[in-house]
C-alpha atoms as a PDB file:
ATOM      1  CA  UNK A   1      92.888  72.757  21.797  1.00  0.00           C
ATOM      2  CA  UNK A   2      93.134  69.865  24.770  1.00  0.00           C
ATOM      3  CA  UNK A   3      96.170  68.213  25.584  1.00  0.00           C
ATOM      4  CA  UNK A   4      97.040  64.592  24.369  1.00  0.00           C
ATOM      5  CA  UNK A   5      97.421  61.817  26.657  1.00  0.00           C
ATOM      6  CA  UNK A   6     101.345  62.300  25.794  1.00  0.00           C
ATOM      7  CA  UNK A   7     101.686  65.605  26.617  1.00  0.00           C
ATOM      8  CA  UNK A   8      99.576  65.006  29.939  1.00  0.00           C
ATOM      9  CA  UNK A   9     102.037  62.690  30.608  1.00  0.00           C
ATOM     10  CA  UNK A  10     104.763  64.970  29.371  1.00  0.00           C
ATOM     11  CA  UNK A  11     103.869  67.908  31.530  1.00  0.00           C
ATOM     12  CA  UNK A  12     102.364  66.099  34.510  1.00  0.00           C
ATOM     13  CA  UNK A  13     104.672  67.991  36.986  1.00  0.00           C
ATOM     14  CA  UNK A  14     103.838  70.875  35.654  1.00  0.00           C
ATOM     15  CA  UNK A  15      99.960  70.191  35.477  1.00  0.00           C
ATOM     16  CA  UNK A  16     100.045  69.273  39.398  1.00  0.00           C
ATOM     17  CA  UNK A  17     100.933  72.975  39.910  1.00  0.00           C
ATOM     18  CA  UNK A  18      97.871  74.834  41.079  1.00  0.00           C
ATOM     19  CA  UNK A  19      99.671  77.688  39.231  1.00  0.00           C
ATOM     20  CA  UNK A  20     100.031  76.183  35.972  1.00  0.00           C
ATOM     21  CA  UNK A  21      97.569  73.101  35.500  1.00  0.00           C
ATOM     22  CA  UNK A  22      96.201  72.287  32.470  1.00  0.00           C
ATOM     23  CA  UNK A  23      95.117  75.825  31.233  1.00  0.00           C
ATOM     24  CA  UNK A  24      98.535  77.095  32.250  1.00  0.00           C
ATOM     25  CA  UNK A  25     100.721  74.386  30.305  1.00  0.00           C
ATOM     26  CA  UNK A  26      98.535  75.047  27.362  1.00  0.00           C
ATOM     27  CA  UNK A  27      99.426  78.884  27.669  1.00  0.00           C
ATOM     28  CA  UNK A  28     103.058  77.591  27.504  1.00  0.00           C
ATOM     29  CA  UNK A  29     102.398  75.655  24.479  1.00  0.00           C
ATOM     30  CA  UNK A  30     101.095  78.948  22.823  1.00  0.00           C
ATOM     31  CA  UNK A  31     103.858  80.978  23.807  1.00  0.00           C
ATOM     32  CA  UNK A  32     106.374  82.056  21.953  1.00  0.00           C
ATOM     33  CA  UNK A  33     109.909  83.081  23.041  1.00  0.00           C
ATOM     34  CA  UNK A  34     112.966  84.253  21.300  1.00  0.00           C
ATOM     35  CA  UNK A  35     116.388  83.541  22.206  1.00  0.00           C
ATOM     36  CA  UNK A  36     119.332  86.043  21.427  1.00  0.00           C
ATOM     37  CA  UNK A  37     122.577  83.880  21.740  1.00  0.00           C
ATOM     38  CA  UNK A  38     123.007  80.237  21.545  1.00  0.00           C
ATOM     39  CA  UNK A  39     125.717  80.110  23.954  1.00  0.00           C
ATOM     40  CA  UNK A  40     126.962  80.057  27.515  1.00  0.00           C
ATOM     41  CA  UNK A  41     123.209  81.579  28.710  1.00  0.00           C
ATOM     42  CA  UNK A  42     121.377  80.715  25.821  1.00  0.00           C
ATOM     43  CA  UNK A  43     122.257  76.797  26.117  1.00  0.00           C
ATOM     44  CA  UNK A  44     120.262  76.089  29.495  1.00  0.00           C
ATOM     45  CA  UNK A  45     117.372  78.671  28.484  1.00  0.00           C
ATOM     46  CA  UNK A  46     116.807  76.581  25.508  1.00  0.00           C
ATOM     47  CA  UNK A  47     116.956  73.402  26.846  1.00  0.00           C
ATOM     48  CA  UNK A  48     114.812  74.347  29.669  1.00  0.00           C
ATOM     49  CA  UNK A  49     111.879  76.177  27.557  1.00  0.00           C
ATOM     50  CA  UNK A  50     111.986  72.820  25.480  1.00  0.00           C
ATOM     51  CA  UNK A  51     111.755  70.779  28.165  1.00  0.00           C
ATOM     52  CA  UNK A  52     108.858  73.357  29.733  1.00  0.00           C
ATOM     53  CA  UNK A  53     106.973  72.988  26.480  1.00  0.00           C
ATOM     54  CA  UNK A  54     107.099  76.686  24.948  1.00  0.00           C
ATOM     55  CA  UNK A  55     105.728  75.882  21.565  1.00  0.00           C
ATOM     56  CA  UNK A  56     107.675  78.076  19.549  1.00  0.00           C
ATOM     57  CA  UNK A  57     111.189  79.347  20.548  1.00  0.00           C
ATOM     58  CA  UNK A  58     113.078  81.261  18.016  1.00  0.00           C
ATOM     59  CA  UNK A  59     117.531  80.939  18.688  1.00  0.00           C
ATOM     60  CA  UNK A  60     119.588  83.765  17.276  1.00  0.00           C
ATOM     61  CA  UNK A  61     123.134  83.296  16.760  1.00  0.00           C
ATOM     62  CA  UNK A  62     125.570  83.482  13.482  1.00  0.00           C
ATOM     63  CA  UNK A  63     128.196  81.842  15.398  1.00  0.00           C
ATOM     64  CA  UNK A  64     129.744  78.507  14.908  1.00  0.00           C
ATOM     65  CA  UNK A  65     130.611  75.444  17.562  1.00  0.00           C
ATOM     66  CA  UNK A  66     134.367  76.079  18.674  1.00  0.00           C
ATOM     67  CA  UNK A  67     136.604  73.622  20.970  1.00  0.00           C
ATOM     68  CA  UNK A  68     136.232  76.512  23.592  1.00  0.00           C
ATOM     69  CA  UNK A  69     132.864  76.798  24.155  1.00  0.00           C
ATOM     70  CA  UNK A  70     132.355  73.102  25.495  1.00  0.00           C
ATOM     71  CA  UNK A  71     133.215  73.985  28.616  1.00  0.00           C
ATOM     72  CA  UNK A  72     130.109  76.054  29.833  1.00  0.00           C
ATOM     73  CA  UNK A  73     127.921  75.687  26.506  1.00  0.00           C
ATOM     74  CA  UNK A  74     126.290  72.676  27.321  1.00  0.00           C
ATOM     75  CA  UNK A  75     124.106  72.478  24.489  1.00  0.00           C
ATOM     76  CA  UNK A  76     126.725  71.721  22.249  1.00  0.00           C
ATOM     77  CA  UNK A  77     128.648  68.441  22.027  1.00  0.00           C
ATOM     78  CA  UNK A  78     132.018  67.489  20.806  1.00  0.00           C
ATOM     79  CA  UNK A  79     130.742  66.518  17.423  1.00  0.00           C
ATOM     80  CA  UNK A  80     129.150  69.594  16.762  1.00  0.00           C
ATOM     81  CA  UNK A  81     132.690  71.273  16.564  1.00  0.00           C
ATOM     82  CA  UNK A  82     132.287  73.910  13.370  1.00  0.00           C
ATOM     83  CA  UNK A  83     128.398  73.382  13.181  1.00  0.00           C
ATOM     84  CA  UNK A  84     126.447  76.605  12.950  1.00  0.00           C
ATOM     85  CA  UNK A  85     125.200  77.016  17.026  1.00  0.00           C
ATOM     86  CA  UNK A  86     121.479  77.372  16.131  1.00  0.00           C
ATOM     87  CA  UNK A  87     121.440  73.952  14.263  1.00  0.00           C
ATOM     88  CA  UNK A  88     123.345  72.183  16.889  1.00  0.00           C
ATOM     89  CA  UNK A  89     120.982  74.113  19.493  1.00  0.00           C
ATOM     90  CA  UNK A  90     117.767  73.196  17.526  1.00  0.00           C
ATOM     91  CA  UNK A  91     118.790  69.357  17.394  1.00  0.00           C
ATOM     92  CA  UNK A  92     119.108  69.250  21.354  1.00  0.00           C
ATOM     93  CA  UNK A  93     115.771  70.899  21.937  1.00  0.00           C
ATOM     94  CA  UNK A  94     114.015  68.706  19.153  1.00  0.00           C
ATOM     95  CA  UNK A  95     115.354  65.595  20.753  1.00  0.00           C
ATOM     96  CA  UNK A  96     114.195  66.745  24.086  1.00  0.00           C
ATOM     97  CA  UNK A  97     110.691  67.820  22.704  1.00  0.00           C
ATOM     98  CA  UNK A  98     109.699  67.030  18.953  1.00  0.00           C
ATOM     99  CA  UNK A  99     106.487  68.692  19.529  1.00  0.00           C
ATOM    100  CA  UNK A 100     107.835  72.186  19.498  1.00  0.00           C
ATOM    101  CA  UNK A 101     108.405  74.472  16.465  1.00  0.00           C
ATOM    102  CA  UNK A 102     112.214  75.778  17.053  1.00  0.00           C
ATOM    103  CA  UNK A 103     112.786  78.625  14.455  1.00  0.00           C
ATOM    104  CA  UNK A 104     116.550  79.397  13.770  1.00  0.00           C
ATOM    105  CA  UNK A 105     118.088  82.959  12.777  1.00  0.00           C
ATOM    106  CA  UNK A 106     121.814  82.138  11.690  1.00  0.00           C
ATOM    107  CA  UNK A 107     122.349  85.800  11.944  1.00  0.00           C
ATOM    108  CA  UNK A 108     123.681  88.389  14.458  1.00  0.00           C
ATOM    109  CA  UNK A 109     121.111  91.125  15.445  1.00  0.00           C
ATOM    110  CA  UNK A 110     121.384  94.401  14.242  1.00  0.00           C
ATOM    111  CA  UNK A 111     119.113  98.021  14.105  1.00  0.00           C
ATOM    112  CA  UNK A 112     118.279  96.730  10.572  1.00  0.00           C
ATOM    113  CA  UNK A 113     116.825  93.143  11.316  1.00  0.00           C
ATOM    114  CA  UNK A 114     115.887  92.867  15.205  1.00  0.00           C
ATOM    115  CA  UNK A 115     112.694  94.845  15.070  1.00  0.00           C
ATOM    116  CA  UNK A 116     111.254  92.384  12.751  1.00  0.00           C
ATOM    117  CA  UNK A 117     113.106  89.003  14.318  1.00  0.00           C
ATOM    118  CA  UNK A 118     111.058  90.075  17.823  1.00  0.00           C
ATOM    119  CA  UNK A 119     107.751  90.927  16.270  1.00  0.00           C
ATOM    120  CA  UNK A 120     105.884  87.689  16.413  1.00  0.00           C
ATOM    121  CA  UNK A 121     107.326  86.838  20.217  1.00  0.00           C
ATOM    122  CA  UNK A 122     105.510  86.947  23.374  1.00  0.00           C
ATOM    123  CA  UNK A 123     108.945  87.355  25.426  1.00  0.00           C
ATOM    124  CA  UNK A 124     112.787  88.087  24.667  1.00  0.00           C
ATOM    125  CA  UNK A 125     115.729  86.638  26.310  1.00  0.00           C
ATOM    126  CA  UNK A 126     118.901  88.189  25.748  1.00  0.00           C
ATOM    127  CA  UNK A 127     122.162  85.965  26.087  1.00  0.00           C
ATOM    128  CA  UNK A 128     124.455  87.913  24.038  1.00  0.00           C
ATOM    129  CA  UNK A 129     128.240  88.605  24.348  1.00  0.00           C
ATOM    130  CA  UNK A 130     128.802  92.126  23.345  1.00  0.00           C
ATOM    131  CA  UNK A 131     127.502  95.246  24.953  1.00  0.00           C
ATOM    132  CA  UNK A 132     126.420  96.610  21.370  1.00  0.00           C
ATOM    133  CA  UNK A 133     123.701  93.655  20.941  1.00  0.00           C
ATOM    134  CA  UNK A 134     123.017  94.259  24.796  1.00  0.00           C
ATOM    135  CA  UNK A 135     121.530  98.022  24.074  1.00  0.00           C
ATOM    136  CA  UNK A 136     120.006  97.219  20.897  1.00  0.00           C
ATOM    137  CA  UNK A 137     117.832  94.171  22.517  1.00  0.00           C
ATOM    138  CA  UNK A 138     116.771  96.864  25.335  1.00  0.00           C
ATOM    139  CA  UNK A 139     116.099  99.870  22.928  1.00  0.00           C
ATOM    140  CA  UNK A 140     114.046  97.242  20.473  1.00  0.00           C
ATOM    141  CA  UNK A 141     111.853  95.795  22.946  1.00  0.00           C
ATOM    142  CA  UNK A 142     111.176  99.215  25.081  1.00  0.00           C
ATOM    143  CA  UNK A 143     110.239 100.632  21.833  1.00  0.00           C
ATOM    144  CA  UNK A 144     108.352  97.824  20.567  1.00  0.00           C
ATOM    145  CA  UNK A 145     106.612  97.026  24.003  1.00  0.00           C
ATOM    146  CA  UNK A 146     108.213  93.776  24.121  1.00  0.00           C
ATOM    147  CA  UNK A 147     109.177  92.073  28.015  1.00  0.00           C
ATOM    148  CA  UNK A 148     112.709  90.818  28.103  1.00  0.00           C
ATOM    149  CA  UNK A 149     115.144  89.369  30.414  1.00  0.00           C
ATOM    150  CA  UNK A 150     118.749  90.630  30.563  1.00  0.00           C
ATOM    151  CA  UNK A 151     121.159  88.539  31.676  1.00  0.00           C
ATOM    152  CA  UNK A 152     125.242  88.777  32.189  1.00  0.00           C
ATOM    153  CA  UNK A 153     128.053  86.671  33.434  1.00  0.00           C
ATOM    154  CA  UNK A 154     132.036  87.469  34.156  1.00  0.00           C
ATOM    155  CA  UNK A 155     134.350  85.446  36.001  1.00  0.00           C
ATOM    156  CA  UNK A 156     132.584  84.003  39.069  1.00  0.00           C
ATOM    157  CA  UNK A 157     129.726  86.899  39.202  1.00  0.00           C
ATOM    158  CA  UNK A 158     126.504  87.420  37.148  1.00  0.00           C
ATOM    159  CA  UNK A 159     123.193  89.264  37.230  1.00  0.00           C
ATOM    160  CA  UNK A 160     120.179  89.063  35.738  1.00  0.00           C
ATOM    161  CA  UNK A 161     117.077  91.301  35.742  1.00  0.00           C
ATOM    162  CA  UNK A 162     113.287  91.501  33.743  1.00  0.00           C
ATOM    163  CA  UNK A 163     112.239  94.533  31.964  1.00  0.00           C
ATOM    164  CA  UNK A 164     108.332  95.052  31.060  1.00  0.00           C
ATOM    165  CA  UNK A 165     108.340  98.595  29.084  1.00  0.00           C
ATOM    166  CA  UNK A 166     106.180 100.879  30.455  1.00  0.00           C
ATOM    167  CA  UNK A 167     105.937  99.041  33.857  1.00  0.00           C
ATOM    168  CA  UNK A 168     109.454  98.753  34.728  1.00  0.00           C
ATOM    169  CA  UNK A 169     112.922 100.454  34.692  1.00  0.00           C
ATOM    170  CA  UNK A 170     114.740  99.497  31.443  1.00  0.00           C
ATOM    171  CA  UNK A 171     118.519  98.661  30.829  1.00  0.00           C
ATOM    172  CA  UNK A 172     119.542 102.004  30.088  1.00  0.00           C
ATOM    173  CA  UNK A 173     117.881 103.279  33.068  1.00  0.00           C
ATOM    174  CA  UNK A 174     120.684 101.858  34.878  1.00  0.00           C
ATOM    175  CA  UNK A 175     123.497 102.084  32.303  1.00  0.00           C
ATOM    176  CA  UNK A 176     122.574 104.939  29.786  1.00  0.00           C
ATOM    177  CA  UNK A 177     125.220 104.174  27.510  1.00  0.00           C
ATOM    178  CA  UNK A 178     127.953 101.464  26.708  1.00  0.00           C
ATOM    179  CA  UNK A 179     130.943 101.493  28.617  1.00  0.00           C
ATOM    180  CA  UNK A 180     134.221 102.772  27.057  1.00  0.00           C
ATOM    181  CA  UNK A 181     136.611 100.235  25.255  1.00  0.00           C
ATOM    182  CA  UNK A 182     139.070  98.561  27.461  1.00  0.00           C
ATOM    183  CA  UNK A 183     136.940  99.405  30.525  1.00  0.00           C
ATOM    184  CA  UNK A 184     135.781  95.813  30.987  1.00  0.00           C
ATOM    185  CA  UNK A 185     137.865  92.821  30.109  1.00  0.00           C
ATOM    186  CA  UNK A 186     136.415  90.152  27.590  1.00  0.00           C
ATOM    187  CA  UNK A 187     135.905  86.692  28.568  1.00  0.00           C
ATOM    188  CA  UNK A 188     138.861  85.194  26.863  1.00  0.00           C
ATOM    189  CA  UNK A 189     140.953  87.969  28.827  1.00  0.00           C
ATOM    190  CA  UNK A 190     139.067  87.224  32.282  1.00  0.00           C
ATOM    191  CA  UNK A 191     137.815  83.967  31.910  1.00  0.00           C
ATOM    192  CA  UNK A 192     134.331  82.398  33.236  1.00  0.00           C
ATOM    193  CA  UNK A 193     133.738  79.662  35.704  1.00  0.00           C
ATOM    194  CA  UNK A 194     131.595  77.053  33.275  1.00  0.00           C
ATOM    195  CA  UNK A 195     128.807  76.380  35.704  1.00  0.00           C
ATOM    196  CA  UNK A 196     128.150  80.039  36.099  1.00  0.00           C
ATOM    197  CA  UNK A 197     125.883  80.785  33.090  1.00  0.00           C
ATOM    198  CA  UNK A 198     123.715  77.490  34.132  1.00  0.00           C
ATOM    199  CA  UNK A 199     122.437  79.280  37.286  1.00  0.00           C
ATOM    200  CA  UNK A 200     121.705  82.679  35.645  1.00  0.00           C
ATOM    201  CA  UNK A 201     120.249  80.896  32.312  1.00  0.00           C
ATOM    202  CA  UNK A 202     118.112  78.915  34.514  1.00  0.00           C
ATOM    203  CA  UNK A 203     116.773  82.016  36.504  1.00  0.00           C
ATOM    204  CA  UNK A 204     115.877  83.837  32.804  1.00  0.00           C
ATOM    205  CA  UNK A 205     114.004  80.827  31.730  1.00  0.00           C
ATOM    206  CA  UNK A 206     112.137  80.640  34.836  1.00  0.00           C
ATOM    207  CA  UNK A 207     111.229  84.237  34.279  1.00  0.00           C
ATOM    208  CA  UNK A 208     109.880  83.582  30.820  1.00  0.00           C
ATOM    209  CA  UNK A 209     107.920  80.953  31.784  1.00  0.00           C
ATOM    210  CA  UNK A 210     106.337  83.088  34.473  1.00  0.00           C
ATOM    211  CA  UNK A 211     105.419  85.865  31.905  1.00  0.00           C
ATOM    212  CA  UNK A 212     103.757  83.363  29.965  1.00  0.00           C
ATOM    213  CA  UNK A 213     101.794  81.962  32.992  1.00  0.00           C
ATOM    214  CA  UNK A 214     101.111  85.433  34.565  1.00  0.00           C
ATOM    215  CA  UNK A 215     102.147  83.552  37.907  1.00  0.00           C
ATOM    216  CA  UNK A 216     104.410  85.004  40.842  1.00  0.00           C
ATOM    217  CA  UNK A 217     106.472  87.976  40.691  1.00  0.00           C
ATOM    218  CA  UNK A 218     108.893  89.352  37.915  1.00  0.00           C
ATOM    219  CA  UNK A 219     112.058  90.493  38.517  1.00  0.00           C
ATOM    220  CA  UNK A 220     111.139  94.065  37.680  1.00  0.00           C
ATOM    221  CA  UNK A 221     112.562  96.964  39.338  1.00  0.00           C
ATOM    222  CA  UNK A 222     115.100  94.201  40.840  1.00  0.00           C
ATOM    223  CA  UNK A 223     118.676  93.488  39.859  1.00  0.00           C
ATOM    224  CA  UNK A 224     119.546  90.037  41.169  1.00  0.00           C
ATOM    225  CA  UNK A 225     123.280  89.670  41.044  1.00  0.00           C
ATOM    226  CA  UNK A 226     125.021  86.353  42.230  1.00  0.00           C
ATOM    227  CA  UNK A 227     128.412  85.460  43.337  1.00  0.00           C
ATOM    228  CA  UNK A 228     129.303  81.556  42.742  1.00  0.00           C
ATOM    229  CA  UNK A 229     132.996  82.202  44.920  1.00  0.00           C
ATOM    230  CA  UNK A 230     130.800  83.479  47.878  1.00  0.00           C
ATOM    231  CA  UNK A 231     127.578  81.565  47.041  1.00  0.00           C
ATOM    232  CA  UNK A 232     125.634  84.717  47.698  1.00  0.00           C
ATOM    233  CA  UNK A 233     122.490  86.587  45.787  1.00  0.00           C
ATOM    234  CA  UNK A 234     122.226  89.867  46.181  1.00  0.00           C
ATOM    235  CA  UNK A 235     118.929  92.036  45.329  1.00  0.00           C
ATOM    236  CA  UNK A 236     119.283  95.584  44.351  1.00  0.00           C
ATOM    237  CA  UNK A 237     115.910  97.795  43.801  1.00  0.00           C
ATOM    238  CA  UNK A 238     115.615 100.025  40.915  1.00  0.00           C
ATOM    239  CA  UNK A 239     113.451 102.849  40.012  1.00  0.00           C
ATOM    240  CA  UNK A 240     112.643 104.073  36.511  1.00  0.00           C
ATOM    241  CA  UNK A 241     115.058 106.908  35.269  1.00  0.00           C
ATOM    242  CA  UNK A 242     113.290 109.934  34.572  1.00  0.00           C
ATOM    243  CA  UNK A 243     116.097 111.027  32.374  1.00  0.00           C
ATOM    244  CA  UNK A 244     116.420 107.708  30.625  1.00  0.00           C
ATOM    245  CA  UNK A 245     117.421 108.320  27.390  1.00  0.00           C
ATOM    246  CA  UNK A 246     114.773 105.607  26.208  1.00  0.00           C
ATOM    247  CA  UNK A 247     112.127 105.129  28.338  1.00  0.00           C
ATOM    248  CA  UNK A 248     112.427 108.833  29.977  1.00  0.00           C
ATOM    249  CA  UNK A 249     110.248 111.818  30.319  1.00  0.00           C
ATOM    250  CA  UNK A 250     112.251 113.317  27.222  1.00  0.00           C
ATOM    251  CA  UNK A 251     113.663 110.164  25.522  1.00  0.00           C
ATOM    252  CA  UNK A 252     116.567 111.425  22.973  1.00  0.00           C
ATOM    253  CA  UNK A 253     116.339 108.026  21.357  1.00  0.00           C
ATOM    254  CA  UNK A 254     113.178 107.463  19.417  1.00  0.00           C
ATOM    255  CA  UNK A 255     114.994 105.071  16.764  1.00  0.00           C
ATOM    256  CA  UNK A 256     117.052 101.783  16.735  1.00  0.00           C
ATOM    257  CA  UNK A 257     120.916 102.630  15.999  1.00  0.00           C
ATOM    258  CA  UNK A 258     123.871 100.157  16.339  1.00  0.00           C
ATOM    259  CA  UNK A 259     126.465 100.720  19.161  1.00  0.00           C
ATOM    260  CA  UNK A 260     129.182 100.542  16.935  1.00  0.00           C
ATOM    261  CA  UNK A 261     131.780 101.461  19.635  1.00  0.00           C
ATOM    262  CA  UNK A 262     130.692  99.372  21.733  1.00  0.00           C
ATOM    263  CA  UNK A 263     133.084  97.216  23.698  1.00  0.00           C
ATOM    264  CA  UNK A 264     132.668  93.522  23.394  1.00  0.00           C
ATOM    265  CA  UNK A 265     131.479  92.134  26.836  1.00  0.00           C
ATOM    266  CA  UNK A 266     132.475  89.002  28.554  1.00  0.00           C
ATOM    267  CA  UNK A 267     130.782  85.507  28.238  1.00  0.00           C
ATOM    268  CA  UNK A 268     127.475  86.722  27.898  1.00  0.00           C
ATOM    269  CA  UNK A 269     125.925  83.878  25.546  1.00  0.00           C
ATOM    270  CA  UNK A 270     126.833  84.002  21.850  1.00  0.00           C
ATOM    271  CA  UNK A 271     130.819  83.216  21.730  1.00  0.00           C
END
């Protein structure tokens, strides 16, 4: 299918890039990305993927827009307070790019529904706000072979990495299990600078675009950390853990489970 004249104009700055061109833009239009979380991280991710022309974007979240969200969750506006976040996000994404197929899931991910939810997508982005969801997303993607981007933020600091199952370390290679309760403060306790998810979410969106294009170097085998206070990035090299409970030589996790005792993480995207 050829690009229309309107699409050539809309995506002209992409098409000028030798790494993209018309064929690459067609890959993006044919691509399918799932965003889990429509909050701090999910907001810039959703906006940039819509603008980039990712043809099918799924967005998962069961929360409603709250006044306290608006300091950082830039896809939601004051009139959206009380509205389901997935519907609020979809409205802004369609306003940017009406040609897209935006699929909303007004629910939380769980061991019972995540495999079916991610099945039809090429790439998954974790923008969730709790460790239970983060480990579940990792496990579901590893077991089904789906590439995904992890992201997390707290106060002035953030981190991100990309996981390509079978080819890179996974989240459990670094963190085998969730931290105990009360080990890490929640966002309502510790706070988060409003611009931080914009930085990390933009990086995660970039990884999704690169993955669909097959261009550049993905953030695999590397954990990228960012300090807004010091305005510094740091890259930590990672290796696959042979004793990883899900992707190691003798995995102990062979089916999905909910980490029901996991501590709520800080502002990682859905609240």
